[in-house]
N, C-alpha and C. Protein backbone atom coordinates (compact mmCIF):
# COMPACT_ATOMS: atom_id res chain seq x y z
N MET A 1 11.29 14.44 -10.91
CA MET A 1 10.34 15.20 -10.11
C MET A 1 10.97 15.92 -9.35
N ARG A 2 10.74 17.25 -9.23
CA ARG A 2 11.46 18.34 -8.44
C ARG A 2 10.51 18.74 -7.46
N CYS A 3 11.04 19.19 -6.20
CA CYS A 3 10.19 19.54 -5.03
C CYS A 3 10.76 20.78 -4.48
N LYS A 4 9.88 21.84 -4.03
CA LYS A 4 10.35 23.03 -3.57
C LYS A 4 11.10 22.84 -2.27
N ASN A 5 10.42 22.34 -1.28
CA ASN A 5 11.02 21.76 -0.08
C ASN A 5 11.09 20.27 0.01
N SER A 6 12.37 19.83 0.49
CA SER A 6 12.52 18.48 0.66
C SER A 6 11.47 17.68 1.47
N SER A 7 11.01 18.39 2.52
CA SER A 7 10.38 17.67 3.74
C SER A 7 8.93 17.37 3.16
N ASN A 8 8.49 18.17 2.06
CA ASN A 8 7.33 17.78 1.31
C ASN A 8 7.58 16.54 0.46
N CYS A 9 8.60 16.45 -0.13
CA CYS A 9 9.12 15.20 -0.93
C CYS A 9 8.90 14.12 0.03
N ILE A 10 9.63 14.10 1.19
CA ILE A 10 9.50 12.95 2.04
C ILE A 10 8.19 12.53 2.36
N PHE A 11 7.47 13.38 2.76
CA PHE A 11 5.90 13.29 3.21
C PHE A 11 5.20 12.67 2.10
N ASP A 12 5.37 13.16 0.82
CA ASP A 12 4.85 12.72 -0.38
C ASP A 12 5.31 11.07 -0.60
N LEU A 13 6.52 10.99 -0.58
CA LEU A 13 6.82 9.59 -0.69
C LEU A 13 6.26 8.58 0.40
N ILE A 14 6.46 9.11 1.64
CA ILE A 14 5.83 8.25 2.73
C ILE A 14 4.34 7.95 2.36
N ASN A 15 3.61 8.87 2.00
CA ASN A 15 1.98 8.78 1.63
C ASN A 15 1.93 7.71 0.69
N LYS A 16 2.88 7.79 -0.35
CA LYS A 16 2.63 6.78 -1.43
C LYS A 16 3.12 5.42 -1.17
N ILE A 17 4.05 5.29 -0.26
CA ILE A 17 4.46 3.95 0.28
C ILE A 17 3.38 3.40 1.20
N ASN A 18 2.88 4.36 2.06
CA ASN A 18 1.71 3.81 2.92
C ASN A 18 0.46 3.36 2.15
N VAL A 19 0.11 4.01 1.08
CA VAL A 19 -0.99 3.57 0.23
C VAL A 19 -0.52 2.36 -0.44
N PHE A 20 0.40 2.28 -1.09
CA PHE A 20 1.02 1.01 -1.56
C PHE A 20 0.83 -0.20 -0.66
N ILE A 21 1.34 0.03 0.49
CA ILE A 21 1.41 -0.96 1.46
C ILE A 21 -0.05 -1.37 1.97
N LEU A 22 -0.81 -0.47 2.02
CA LEU A 22 -2.23 -0.57 2.49
C LEU A 22 -3.02 -1.33 1.30
N GLU A 23 -2.86 -1.05 0.02
CA GLU A 23 -3.37 -1.60 -1.10
C GLU A 23 -2.93 -3.27 -1.09
N CYS A 24 -1.61 -3.30 -1.02
CA CYS A 24 -1.08 -4.75 -0.99
C CYS A 24 -1.66 -5.55 0.18
N SER A 25 -1.71 -5.15 1.44
CA SER A 25 -2.30 -5.89 2.50
C SER A 25 -3.72 -6.06 2.14
N PHE A 26 -4.45 -5.11 1.70
CA PHE A 26 -5.90 -5.33 1.39
C PHE A 26 -5.90 -6.57 0.25
N THR A 27 -5.37 -6.49 -0.63
CA THR A 27 -5.49 -7.57 -1.63
C THR A 27 -4.93 -8.77 -1.01
N ASN A 28 -4.03 -8.86 -0.32
CA ASN A 28 -3.60 -10.08 0.32
C ASN A 28 -4.80 -10.58 1.24
N VAL A 29 -5.35 -9.67 1.99
CA VAL A 29 -6.60 -10.25 2.88
C VAL A 29 -7.54 -10.87 1.79
N ILE A 30 -7.90 -10.06 0.85
CA ILE A 30 -8.93 -10.66 -0.09
C ILE A 30 -8.52 -12.03 -0.60
N LEU A 31 -7.30 -12.04 -1.23
CA LEU A 31 -6.77 -13.28 -1.72
C LEU A 31 -6.70 -14.43 -0.78
N ASN A 32 -6.22 -14.26 0.54
CA ASN A 32 -6.20 -15.27 1.59
C ASN A 32 -7.82 -15.65 1.90
N SER A 33 -8.67 -14.77 2.12
CA SER A 33 -9.99 -15.23 2.37
C SER A 33 -10.54 -15.98 1.40
N GLN A 34 -10.29 -15.82 -0.08
CA GLN A 34 -10.63 -16.62 -1.18
C GLN A 34 -10.09 -17.95 -1.15
N VAL A 35 -8.79 -18.09 -0.87
CA VAL A 35 -8.09 -19.45 -0.80
C VAL A 35 -8.66 -20.19 0.39
N SER A 36 -8.87 -19.61 1.56
CA SER A 36 -9.49 -20.36 2.74
C SER A 36 -10.84 -20.80 2.38
N THR A 37 -11.58 -19.90 1.73
CA THR A 37 -13.06 -20.53 1.23
C THR A 37 -12.97 -21.63 0.30
N VAL A 38 -11.95 -21.42 -0.50
CA VAL A 38 -11.85 -22.58 -1.55
C VAL A 38 -11.34 -23.88 -1.00
N SER A 39 -10.39 -23.76 0.18
CA SER A 39 -9.79 -25.01 0.56
C SER A 39 -10.64 -25.67 1.53
N THR A 40 -11.60 -25.00 2.20
CA THR A 40 -12.49 -25.71 3.02
C THR A 40 -13.62 -26.42 2.37
């Protein structure tokens, strides 16, 4: 993947990482709530 300017690349990468982290934490919250519901 080539970028015209590197700062755009970095921002794009940061955005992708942030989205990934958000999705991961979101699924973790859902999984944790399901587990706690099952265990009680």
